[in-house]
């Protein structure tokens, strides 16, 4: 995958995450920043940062529970450690920090 292909897919994914979080019902402020950085801020002041990492061609997530890397393959973003899908993992991370179950569509 070329860098421009990666950037396009990653930017589409970040926009999709932004919409899904806005619609999930949890008390989370969402802001998509320049350079492919999505910041989620919770009522308690904690944050989750989701960003594209061009050099590695991955999406990186920093949450209270840790740091995670997701690589695109076969039409899905998968955790490089355990293969968990990005949206499923994010729903869990958001739920943990929001203190309520969350589903991302």
PDB file of N, CA and C in Angstrom:
ATOM      1  N   UNK A   1       0.842  -1.163   0.000  1.00  0.00           N
ATOM      2  CA  UNK A   1       0.000   0.000   0.000  1.00  0.00           C
ATOM      3  C   UNK A   1       0.895   1.237   0.000  1.00  0.00           C
ATOM      4  N   UNK A   2       0.577   2.176  -0.877  1.00  0.00           N
ATOM      5  CA  UNK A   2       1.363   3.406  -0.933  1.00  0.00           C
ATOM      6  C   UNK A   2       0.988   4.312   0.236  1.00  0.00           C
ATOM      7  N   UNK A   3       1.815   5.312   0.480  1.00  0.00           N
ATOM      8  CA  UNK A   3       1.530   6.242   1.564  1.00  0.00           C
ATOM      9  C   UNK A   3       0.235   7.005   1.317  1.00  0.00           C
ATOM     10  N   UNK A   4      -0.017   7.389   0.073  1.00  0.00           N
ATOM     11  CA  UNK A   4      -1.257   8.120  -0.212  1.00  0.00           C
ATOM     12  C   UNK A   4      -2.486   7.224  -0.044  1.00  0.00           C
ATOM     13  N   UNK A   5      -2.384   5.948  -0.420  1.00  0.00           N
ATOM     14  CA  UNK A   5      -3.493   5.016  -0.199  1.00  0.00           C
ATOM     15  C   UNK A   5      -3.744   4.837   1.298  1.00  0.00           C
ATOM     16  N   UNK A   6      -2.659   4.671   2.041  1.00  0.00           N
ATOM     17  CA  UNK A   6      -2.789   4.541   3.493  1.00  0.00           C
ATOM     18  C   UNK A   6      -3.458   5.770   4.085  1.00  0.00           C
ATOM     19  N   UNK A   7      -2.986   6.958   3.715  1.00  0.00           N
ATOM     20  CA  UNK A   7      -3.540   8.193   4.278  1.00  0.00           C
ATOM     21  C   UNK A   7      -5.026   8.316   3.976  1.00  0.00           C
ATOM     22  N   UNK A   8      -5.432   7.972   2.784  1.00  0.00           N
ATOM     23  CA  UNK A   8      -6.843   8.062   2.407  1.00  0.00           C
ATOM     24  C   UNK A   8      -7.698   7.094   3.245  1.00  0.00           C
ATOM     25  N   UNK A   9      -7.253   5.854   3.358  1.00  0.00           N
ATOM     26  CA  UNK A   9      -8.004   4.852   4.129  1.00  0.00           C
ATOM     27  C   UNK A   9      -8.018   5.233   5.618  1.00  0.00           C
ATOM     28  N   UNK A  10      -6.889   5.669   6.134  1.00  0.00           N
ATOM     29  CA  UNK A  10      -6.806   6.043   7.549  1.00  0.00           C
ATOM     30  C   UNK A  10      -7.690   7.255   7.838  1.00  0.00           C
ATOM     31  N   UNK A  11      -7.674   8.263   6.967  1.00  0.00           N
ATOM     32  CA  UNK A  11      -8.500   9.452   7.177  1.00  0.00           C
ATOM     33  C   UNK A  11      -9.985   9.103   7.122  1.00  0.00           C
ATOM     34  N   UNK A  12     -10.370   8.229   6.216  1.00  0.00           N
ATOM     35  CA  UNK A  12     -11.767   7.776   6.154  1.00  0.00           C
ATOM     36  C   UNK A  12     -12.149   7.050   7.441  1.00  0.00           C
ATOM     37  N   UNK A  13     -11.237   6.249   7.951  1.00  0.00           N
ATOM     38  CA  UNK A  13     -11.490   5.504   9.179  1.00  0.00           C
ATOM     39  C   UNK A  13     -11.625   6.445  10.366  1.00  0.00           C
ATOM     40  N   UNK A  14     -10.755   7.448  10.470  1.00  0.00           N
ATOM     41  CA  UNK A  14     -10.843   8.406  11.566  1.00  0.00           C
ATOM     42  C   UNK A  14     -12.164   9.170  11.525  1.00  0.00           C
ATOM     43  N   UNK A  15     -12.602   9.558  10.332  1.00  0.00           N
ATOM     44  CA  UNK A  15     -13.891  10.247  10.195  1.00  0.00           C
ATOM     45  C   UNK A  15     -15.040   9.322  10.597  1.00  0.00           C
ATOM     46  N   UNK A  16     -14.945   8.068  10.238  1.00  0.00           N
ATOM     47  CA  UNK A  16     -15.975   7.087  10.616  1.00  0.00           C
ATOM     48  C   UNK A  16     -15.998   6.889  12.133  1.00  0.00           C
ATOM     49  N   UNK A  17     -14.817   6.837  12.757  1.00  0.00           N
ATOM     50  CA  UNK A  17     -14.743   6.717  14.218  1.00  0.00           C
ATOM     51  C   UNK A  17     -15.387   7.943  14.857  1.00  0.00           C
ATOM     52  N   UNK A  18     -15.064   9.126  14.352  1.00  0.00           N
ATOM     53  CA  UNK A  18     -15.626  10.360  14.903  1.00  0.00           C
ATOM     54  C   UNK A  18     -17.158  10.314  14.885  1.00  0.00           C
ATOM     55  N   UNK A  19     -17.743   9.948  13.759  1.00  0.00           N
ATOM     56  CA  UNK A  19     -19.208   9.861  13.653  1.00  0.00           C
ATOM     57  C   UNK A  19     -19.773   8.811  14.608  1.00  0.00           C
ATOM     58  N   UNK A  20     -19.121   7.658  14.674  1.00  0.00           N
ATOM     59  CA  UNK A  20     -19.606   6.568  15.532  1.00  0.00           C
ATOM     60  C   UNK A  20     -19.572   6.959  17.001  1.00  0.00           C
ATOM     61  N   UNK A  21     -18.520   7.642  17.427  1.00  0.00           N
ATOM     62  CA  UNK A  21     -18.414   8.054  18.831  1.00  0.00           C
ATOM     63  C   UNK A  21     -19.457   9.122  19.140  1.00  0.00           C
ATOM     64  N   UNK A  22     -19.666  10.057  18.225  1.00  0.00           N
ATOM     65  CA  UNK A  22     -20.687  11.088  18.437  1.00  0.00           C
ATOM     66  C   UNK A  22     -22.070  10.473  18.603  1.00  0.00           C
ATOM     67  N   UNK A  23     -22.325   9.351  17.942  1.00  0.00           N
ATOM     68  CA  UNK A  23     -23.638   8.706  17.960  1.00  0.00           C
ATOM     69  C   UNK A  23     -23.770   7.603  19.009  1.00  0.00           C
ATOM     70  N   UNK A  24     -22.725   7.317  19.784  1.00  0.00           N
ATOM     71  CA  UNK A  24     -22.753   6.158  20.685  1.00  0.00           C
ATOM     72  C   UNK A  24     -23.512   6.399  21.986  1.00  0.00           C
ATOM     73  N   UNK A  25     -23.791   7.655  22.318  1.00  0.00           N
ATOM     74  CA  UNK A  25     -24.553   7.951  23.519  1.00  0.00           C
ATOM     75  C   UNK A  25     -23.730   8.168  24.773  1.00  0.00           C
ATOM     76  N   UNK A  26     -22.459   7.900  24.736  1.00  0.00           N
ATOM     77  CA  UNK A  26     -21.598   8.111  25.906  1.00  0.00           C
ATOM     78  C   UNK A  26     -21.231   9.589  26.015  1.00  0.00           C
ATOM     79  N   UNK A  27     -20.882  10.029  27.205  1.00  0.00           N
ATOM     80  CA  UNK A  27     -20.475  11.413  27.455  1.00  0.00           C
ATOM     81  C   UNK A  27     -19.006  11.568  27.059  1.00  0.00           C
ATOM     82  N   UNK A  28     -18.793  11.775  25.753  1.00  0.00           N
ATOM     83  CA  UNK A  28     -17.445  11.877  25.198  1.00  0.00           C
ATOM     84  C   UNK A  28     -17.420  13.053  24.230  1.00  0.00           C
ATOM     85  N   UNK A  29     -16.459  13.948  24.397  1.00  0.00           N
ATOM     86  CA  UNK A  29     -16.229  15.015  23.421  1.00  0.00           C
ATOM     87  C   UNK A  29     -15.233  14.502  22.404  1.00  0.00           C
ATOM     88  N   UNK A  30     -15.524  14.739  21.129  1.00  0.00           N
ATOM     89  CA  UNK A  30     -14.697  14.218  20.046  1.00  0.00           C
ATOM     90  C   UNK A  30     -14.195  15.381  19.205  1.00  0.00           C
ATOM     91  N   UNK A  31     -12.899  15.360  18.902  1.00  0.00           N
ATOM     92  CA  UNK A  31     -12.341  16.399  18.037  1.00  0.00           C
ATOM     93  C   UNK A  31     -11.315  15.781  17.097  1.00  0.00           C
ATOM     94  N   UNK A  32     -11.566  15.952  15.802  1.00  0.00           N
ATOM     95  CA  UNK A  32     -10.618  15.508  14.783  1.00  0.00           C
ATOM     96  C   UNK A  32      -9.693  16.670  14.490  1.00  0.00           C
ATOM     97  N   UNK A  33      -8.412  16.470  14.769  1.00  0.00           N
ATOM     98  CA  UNK A  33      -7.426  17.534  14.612  1.00  0.00           C
ATOM     99  C   UNK A  33      -6.619  17.325  13.335  1.00  0.00           C
ATOM    100  N   UNK A  34      -5.957  18.379  12.948  1.00  0.00           N
ATOM    101  CA  UNK A  34      -5.106  18.338  11.760  1.00  0.00           C
ATOM    102  C   UNK A  34      -4.018  17.281  11.915  1.00  0.00           C
ATOM    103  N   UNK A  35      -3.687  16.637  10.817  1.00  0.00           N
ATOM    104  CA  UNK A  35      -2.608  15.657  10.831  1.00  0.00           C
ATOM    105  C   UNK A  35      -3.051  14.252  11.170  1.00  0.00           C
ATOM    106  N   UNK A  36      -4.365  14.024  11.187  1.00  0.00           N
ATOM    107  CA  UNK A  36      -4.845  12.671  11.422  1.00  0.00           C
ATOM    108  C   UNK A  36      -4.844  12.260  12.881  1.00  0.00           C
ATOM    109  N   UNK A  37      -5.244  13.192  13.758  1.00  0.00           N
ATOM    110  CA  UNK A  37      -5.310  12.905  15.191  1.00  0.00           C
ATOM    111  C   UNK A  37      -6.751  13.100  15.653  1.00  0.00           C
ATOM    112  N   UNK A  38      -7.305  12.076  16.273  1.00  0.00           N
ATOM    113  CA  UNK A  38      -8.654  12.126  16.818  1.00  0.00           C
ATOM    114  C   UNK A  38      -8.543  12.061  18.333  1.00  0.00           C
ATOM    115  N   UNK A  39      -9.088  13.064  19.005  1.00  0.00           N
ATOM    116  CA  UNK A  39      -8.997  13.140  20.457  1.00  0.00           C
ATOM    117  C   UNK A  39     -10.383  12.943  21.065  1.00  0.00           C
ATOM    118  N   UNK A  40     -10.486  11.977  21.985  1.00  0.00           N
ATOM    119  CA  UNK A  40     -11.724  11.720  22.704  1.00  0.00           C
ATOM    120  C   UNK A  40     -11.492  12.127  24.150  1.00  0.00           C
ATOM    121  N   UNK A  41     -12.328  13.027  24.667  1.00  0.00           N
ATOM    122  CA  UNK A  41     -12.171  13.477  26.048  1.00  0.00           C
ATOM    123  C   UNK A  41     -13.414  13.106  26.841  1.00  0.00           C
ATOM    124  N   UNK A  42     -13.185  12.534  28.018  1.00  0.00           N
ATOM    125  CA  UNK A  42     -14.255  12.023  28.865  1.00  0.00           C
ATOM    126  C   UNK A  42     -14.550  12.990  30.002  1.00  0.00           C
ATOM    127  N   UNK A  43     -15.703  12.814  30.643  1.00  0.00           N
ATOM    128  CA  UNK A  43     -16.151  13.701  31.720  1.00  0.00           C
ATOM    129  C   UNK A  43     -15.133  13.792  32.856  1.00  0.00           C
ATOM    130  N   UNK A  44     -14.388  12.725  33.104  1.00  0.00           N
ATOM    131  CA  UNK A  44     -13.397  12.737  34.186  1.00  0.00           C
ATOM    132  C   UNK A  44     -12.062  13.347  33.775  1.00  0.00           C
ATOM    133  N   UNK A  45     -11.997  13.860  32.533  1.00  0.00           N
ATOM    134  CA  UNK A  45     -10.770  14.490  32.040  1.00  0.00           C
ATOM    135  C   UNK A  45      -9.813  13.549  31.347  1.00  0.00           C
ATOM    136  N   UNK A  46     -10.083  12.245  31.404  1.00  0.00           N
ATOM    137  CA  UNK A  46      -9.203  11.297  30.708  1.00  0.00           C
ATOM    138  C   UNK A  46      -9.437  11.395  29.204  1.00  0.00           C
ATOM    139  N   UNK A  47      -8.498  10.865  28.445  1.00  0.00           N
ATOM    140  CA  UNK A  47      -8.561  10.959  26.983  1.00  0.00           C
ATOM    141  C   UNK A  47      -8.170   9.641  26.337  1.00  0.00           C
ATOM    142  N   UNK A  48      -8.650   9.485  25.138  1.00  0.00           N
ATOM    143  CA  UNK A  48      -8.161   8.457  24.226  1.00  0.00           C
ATOM    144  C   UNK A  48      -7.721   9.203  22.978  1.00  0.00           C
ATOM    145  N   UNK A  49      -6.533   8.896  22.511  1.00  0.00           N
ATOM    146  CA  UNK A  49      -6.002   9.503  21.292  1.00  0.00           C
ATOM    147  C   UNK A  49      -5.907   8.413  20.230  1.00  0.00           C
ATOM    148  N   UNK A  50      -6.472   8.703  19.068  1.00  0.00           N
ATOM    149  CA  UNK A  50      -6.406   7.789  17.927  1.00  0.00           C
ATOM    150  C   UNK A  50      -5.730   8.568  16.805  1.00  0.00           C
ATOM    151  N   UNK A  51      -4.647   8.033  16.276  1.00  0.00           N
ATOM    152  CA  UNK A  51      -3.974   8.760  15.203  1.00  0.00           C
ATOM    153  C   UNK A  51      -3.401   7.815  14.160  1.00  0.00           C
ATOM    154  N   UNK A  52      -3.226   8.377  12.992  1.00  0.00           N
ATOM    155  CA  UNK A  52      -2.582   7.594  11.940  1.00  0.00           C
ATOM    156  C   UNK A  52      -1.080   7.773  12.087  1.00  0.00           C
ATOM    157  N   UNK A  53      -0.358   6.699  11.847  1.00  0.00           N
ATOM    158  CA  UNK A  53       1.105   6.728  11.903  1.00  0.00           C
ATOM    159  C   UNK A  53       1.591   6.340  10.514  1.00  0.00           C
ATOM    160  N   UNK A  54       1.940   7.354   9.737  1.00  0.00           N
ATOM    161  CA  UNK A  54       2.270   7.135   8.321  1.00  0.00           C
ATOM    162  C   UNK A  54       3.469   6.222   8.116  1.00  0.00           C
ATOM    163  N   UNK A  55       4.519   6.409   8.899  1.00  0.00           N
ATOM    164  CA  UNK A  55       5.738   5.620   8.692  1.00  0.00           C
ATOM    165  C   UNK A  55       5.474   4.124   8.858  1.00  0.00           C
ATOM    166  N   UNK A  56       4.687   3.766   9.863  1.00  0.00           N
ATOM    167  CA  UNK A  56       4.392   2.355  10.113  1.00  0.00           C
ATOM    168  C   UNK A  56       3.164   1.884   9.337  1.00  0.00           C
ATOM    169  N   UNK A  57       2.436   2.850   8.756  1.00  0.00           N
ATOM    170  CA  UNK A  57       1.167   2.570   8.066  1.00  0.00           C
ATOM    171  C   UNK A  57       0.195   1.843   8.999  1.00  0.00           C
ATOM    172  N   UNK A  58       0.038   2.435  10.179  1.00  0.00           N
ATOM    173  CA  UNK A  58      -0.837   1.883  11.206  1.00  0.00           C
ATOM    174  C   UNK A  58      -1.674   2.993  11.819  1.00  0.00           C
ATOM    175  N   UNK A  59      -2.756   2.605  12.466  1.00  0.00           N
ATOM    176  CA  UNK A  59      -3.502   3.506  13.330  1.00  0.00           C
ATOM    177  C   UNK A  59      -3.111   3.129  14.752  1.00  0.00           C
ATOM    178  N   UNK A  60      -2.726   4.145  15.512  1.00  0.00           N
ATOM    179  CA  UNK A  60      -2.310   3.934  16.888  1.00  0.00           C
ATOM    180  C   UNK A  60      -3.368   4.481  17.825  1.00  0.00           C
ATOM    181  N   UNK A  61      -3.597   3.784  18.919  1.00  0.00           N
ATOM    182  CA  UNK A  61      -4.571   4.188  19.928  1.00  0.00           C
ATOM    183  C   UNK A  61      -3.858   4.235  21.280  1.00  0.00           C
ATOM    184  N   UNK A  62      -4.013   5.363  21.962  1.00  0.00           N
ATOM    185  CA  UNK A  62      -3.509   5.499  23.330  1.00  0.00           C
ATOM    186  C   UNK A  62      -4.722   5.674  24.232  1.00  0.00           C
ATOM    187  N   UNK A  63      -4.939   4.720  25.121  1.00  0.00           N
ATOM    188  CA  UNK A  63      -6.063   4.732  26.054  1.00  0.00           C
ATOM    189  C   UNK A  63      -5.525   4.541  27.461  1.00  0.00           C
ATOM    190  N   UNK A  64      -6.383   4.694  28.432  1.00  0.00           N
ATOM    191  CA  UNK A  64      -5.973   4.482  29.820  1.00  0.00           C
ATOM    192  C   UNK A  64      -5.418   3.071  30.000  1.00  0.00           C
ATOM    193  N   UNK A  65      -5.969   2.117  29.272  1.00  0.00           N
ATOM    194  CA  UNK A  65      -5.554   0.717  29.407  1.00  0.00           C
ATOM    195  C   UNK A  65      -4.249   0.384  28.691  1.00  0.00           C
ATOM    196  N   UNK A  66      -3.748   1.293  27.856  1.00  0.00           N
ATOM    197  CA  UNK A  66      -2.483   1.035  27.180  1.00  0.00           C
ATOM    198  C   UNK A  66      -2.412   1.617  25.787  1.00  0.00           C
ATOM    199  N   UNK A  67      -1.356   1.253  25.086  1.00  0.00           N
ATOM    200  CA  UNK A  67      -1.142   1.699  23.714  1.00  0.00           C
ATOM    201  C   UNK A  67      -1.312   0.527  22.759  1.00  0.00           C
ATOM    202  N   UNK A  68      -1.954   0.784  21.620  1.00  0.00           N
ATOM    203  CA  UNK A  68      -2.292  -0.291  20.684  1.00  0.00           C
ATOM    204  C   UNK A  68      -2.019   0.156  19.258  1.00  0.00           C
ATOM    205  N   UNK A  69      -1.604  -0.791  18.433  1.00  0.00           N
ATOM    206  CA  UNK A  69      -1.327  -0.529  17.027  1.00  0.00           C
ATOM    207  C   UNK A  69      -2.242  -1.400  16.181  1.00  0.00           C
ATOM    208  N   UNK A  70      -2.820  -0.792  15.138  1.00  0.00           N
ATOM    209  CA  UNK A  70      -3.735  -1.502  14.250  1.00  0.00           C
ATOM    210  C   UNK A  70      -3.234  -1.367  12.815  1.00  0.00           C
ATOM    211  N   UNK A  71      -3.167  -2.490  12.128  1.00  0.00           N
ATOM    212  CA  UNK A  71      -2.688  -2.536  10.746  1.00  0.00           C
ATOM    213  C   UNK A  71      -3.845  -2.957   9.842  1.00  0.00           C
ATOM    214  N   UNK A  72      -3.910  -2.330   8.674  1.00  0.00           N
ATOM    215  CA  UNK A  72      -4.980  -2.596   7.713  1.00  0.00           C
ATOM    216  C   UNK A  72      -4.624  -3.807   6.853  1.00  0.00           C
ATOM    217  N   UNK A  73      -5.527  -4.780   6.829  1.00  0.00           N
ATOM    218  CA  UNK A  73      -5.339  -5.968   5.987  1.00  0.00           C
ATOM    219  C   UNK A  73      -6.700  -6.566   5.687  1.00  0.00           C
ATOM    220  N   UNK A  74      -6.892  -6.964   4.464  1.00  0.00           N
ATOM    221  CA  UNK A  74      -8.136  -7.611   4.051  1.00  0.00           C
ATOM    222  C   UNK A  74      -9.367  -6.784   4.406  1.00  0.00           C
ATOM    223  N   UNK A  75      -9.258  -5.456   4.259  1.00  0.00           N
ATOM    224  CA  UNK A  75     -10.395  -4.582   4.460  1.00  0.00           C
ATOM    225  C   UNK A  75     -10.733  -4.248   5.899  1.00  0.00           C
ATOM    226  N   UNK A  76      -9.846  -4.595   6.849  1.00  0.00           N
ATOM    227  CA  UNK A  76     -10.103  -4.332   8.273  1.00  0.00           C
ATOM    228  C   UNK A  76      -8.826  -3.884   8.969  1.00  0.00           C
ATOM    229  N   UNK A  77      -9.021  -3.072  10.011  1.00  0.00           N
ATOM    230  CA  UNK A  77      -7.917  -2.683  10.877  1.00  0.00           C
ATOM    231  C   UNK A  77      -7.856  -3.682  12.023  1.00  0.00           C
ATOM    232  N   UNK A  78      -6.713  -4.351  12.162  1.00  0.00           N
ATOM    233  CA  UNK A  78      -6.547  -5.389  13.186  1.00  0.00           C
ATOM    234  C   UNK A  78      -5.397  -5.038  14.123  1.00  0.00           C
ATOM    235  N   UNK A  79      -5.598  -5.320  15.409  1.00  0.00           N
ATOM    236  CA  UNK A  79      -4.565  -5.129  16.409  1.00  0.00           C
ATOM    237  C   UNK A  79      -3.373  -6.008  16.044  1.00  0.00           C
ATOM    238  N   UNK A  80      -2.186  -5.423  16.053  1.00  0.00           N
ATOM    239  CA  UNK A  80      -0.997  -6.172  15.644  1.00  0.00           C
ATOM    240  C   UNK A  80      -0.607  -7.237  16.662  1.00  0.00           C
ATOM    241  N   UNK A  81      -1.129  -7.167  17.884  1.00  0.00           N
ATOM    242  CA  UNK A  81      -0.800  -8.173  18.908  1.00  0.00           C
ATOM    243  C   UNK A  81      -1.754  -9.360  18.884  1.00  0.00           C
ATOM    244  N   UNK A  82      -3.057  -9.055  18.903  1.00  0.00           N
ATOM    245  CA  UNK A  82      -4.021 -10.148  19.065  1.00  0.00           C
ATOM    246  C   UNK A  82      -5.058 -10.260  17.951  1.00  0.00           C
ATOM    247  N   UNK A  83      -5.009  -9.384  16.960  1.00  0.00           N
ATOM    248  CA  UNK A  83      -5.914  -9.465  15.827  1.00  0.00           C
ATOM    249  C   UNK A  83      -7.290  -8.872  16.049  1.00  0.00           C
ATOM    250  N   UNK A  84      -7.540  -8.284  17.232  1.00  0.00           N
ATOM    251  CA  UNK A  84      -8.862  -7.697  17.494  1.00  0.00           C
ATOM    252  C   UNK A  84      -9.126  -6.555  16.516  1.00  0.00           C
ATOM    253  N   UNK A  85     -10.359  -6.445  16.074  1.00  0.00           N
ATOM    254  CA  UNK A  85     -10.770  -5.418  15.118  1.00  0.00           C
ATOM    255  C   UNK A  85     -10.844  -4.058  15.811  1.00  0.00           C
ATOM    256  N   UNK A  86     -10.468  -3.000  15.102  1.00  0.00           N
ATOM    257  CA  UNK A  86     -10.348  -1.653  15.657  1.00  0.00           C
ATOM    258  C   UNK A  86     -11.630  -1.156  16.323  1.00  0.00           C
ATOM    259  N   UNK A  87     -12.771  -1.244  15.653  1.00  0.00           N
ATOM    260  CA  UNK A  87     -14.000  -0.685  16.219  1.00  0.00           C
ATOM    261  C   UNK A  87     -14.447  -1.451  17.462  1.00  0.00           C
ATOM    262  N   UNK A  88     -14.258  -2.737  17.462  1.00  0.00           N
ATOM    263  CA  UNK A  88     -14.583  -3.550  18.636  1.00  0.00           C
ATOM    264  C   UNK A  88     -13.691  -3.155  19.802  1.00  0.00           C
ATOM    265  N   UNK A  89     -12.408  -3.011  19.542  1.00  0.00           N
ATOM    266  CA  UNK A  89     -11.467  -2.619  20.593  1.00  0.00           C
ATOM    267  C   UNK A  89     -11.783  -1.222  21.108  1.00  0.00           C
ATOM    268  N   UNK A  90     -12.047  -0.283  20.207  1.00  0.00           N
ATOM    269  CA  UNK A  90     -12.352   1.085  20.629  1.00  0.00           C
ATOM    270  C   UNK A  90     -13.615   1.144  21.480  1.00  0.00           C
ATOM    271  N   UNK A  91     -14.629   0.371  21.122  1.00  0.00           N
ATOM    272  CA  UNK A  91     -15.859   0.346  21.918  1.00  0.00           C
ATOM    273  C   UNK A  91     -15.538  -0.086  23.348  1.00  0.00           C
ATOM    274  N   UNK A  92     -14.672  -1.048  23.488  1.00  0.00           N
ATOM    275  CA  UNK A  92     -14.282  -1.525  24.812  1.00  0.00           C
ATOM    276  C   UNK A  92     -13.490  -0.451  25.567  1.00  0.00           C
ATOM    277  N   UNK A  93     -12.509   0.166  24.894  1.00  0.00           N
ATOM    278  CA  UNK A  93     -11.704   1.202  25.548  1.00  0.00           C
ATOM    279  C   UNK A  93     -12.586   2.382  25.978  1.00  0.00           C
ATOM    280  N   UNK A  94     -13.482   2.800  25.099  1.00  0.00           N
ATOM    281  CA  UNK A  94     -14.368   3.925  25.398  1.00  0.00           C
ATOM    282  C   UNK A  94     -15.292   3.557  26.553  1.00  0.00           C
ATOM    283  N   UNK A  95     -15.845   2.367  26.515  1.00  0.00           N
ATOM    284  CA  UNK A  95     -16.719   1.909  27.592  1.00  0.00           C
ATOM    285  C   UNK A  95     -16.018   1.893  28.936  1.00  0.00           C
ATOM    286  N   UNK A  96     -14.772   1.451  28.939  1.00  0.00           N
ATOM    287  CA  UNK A  96     -13.996   1.419  30.180  1.00  0.00           C
ATOM    288  C   UNK A  96     -13.810   2.826  30.740  1.00  0.00           C
ATOM    289  N   UNK A  97     -13.501   3.776  29.878  1.00  0.00           N
ATOM    290  CA  UNK A  97     -13.238   5.133  30.352  1.00  0.00           C
ATOM    291  C   UNK A  97     -14.517   5.917  30.612  1.00  0.00           C
ATOM    292  N   UNK A  98     -15.592   5.600  29.912  1.00  0.00           N
ATOM    293  CA  UNK A  98     -16.868   6.292  30.106  1.00  0.00           C
ATOM    294  C   UNK A  98     -17.657   5.696  31.267  1.00  0.00           C
ATOM    295  N   UNK A  99     -17.302   4.456  31.655  1.00  0.00           N
ATOM    296  CA  UNK A  99     -18.001   3.805  32.735  1.00  0.00           C
ATOM    297  C   UNK A  99     -19.356   3.245  32.333  1.00  0.00           C
ATOM    298  N   UNK A 100     -19.531   2.986  31.048  1.00  0.00           N
ATOM    299  CA  UNK A 100     -20.781   2.416  30.550  1.00  0.00           C
ATOM    300  C   UNK A 100     -20.507   1.660  29.256  1.00  0.00           C
ATOM    301  N   UNK A 101     -21.320   0.646  28.977  1.00  0.00           N
ATOM    302  CA  UNK A 101     -21.107  -0.095  27.732  1.00  0.00           C
ATOM    303  C   UNK A 101     -21.348   0.791  26.511  1.00  0.00           C
ATOM    304  N   UNK A 102     -20.544   0.600  25.502  1.00  0.00           N
ATOM    305  CA  UNK A 102     -20.635   1.406  24.284  1.00  0.00           C
ATOM    306  C   UNK A 102     -20.596   0.487  23.077  1.00  0.00           C
ATOM    307  N   UNK A 103     -21.402   0.828  22.099  1.00  0.00           N
ATOM    308  CA  UNK A 103     -21.365   0.147  20.795  1.00  0.00           C
ATOM    309  C   UNK A 103     -21.032   1.181  19.740  1.00  0.00           C
ATOM    310  N   UNK A 104     -20.116   0.833  18.881  1.00  0.00           N
ATOM    311  CA  UNK A 104     -19.779   1.707  17.757  1.00  0.00           C
ATOM    312  C   UNK A 104     -20.292   1.071  16.475  1.00  0.00           C
ATOM    313  N   UNK A 105     -21.143   1.774  15.771  1.00  0.00           N
ATOM    314  CA  UNK A 105     -21.737   1.228  14.551  1.00  0.00           C
ATOM    315  C   UNK A 105     -20.926   1.418  13.326  1.00  0.00           C
TER     316      UNK A 105
END
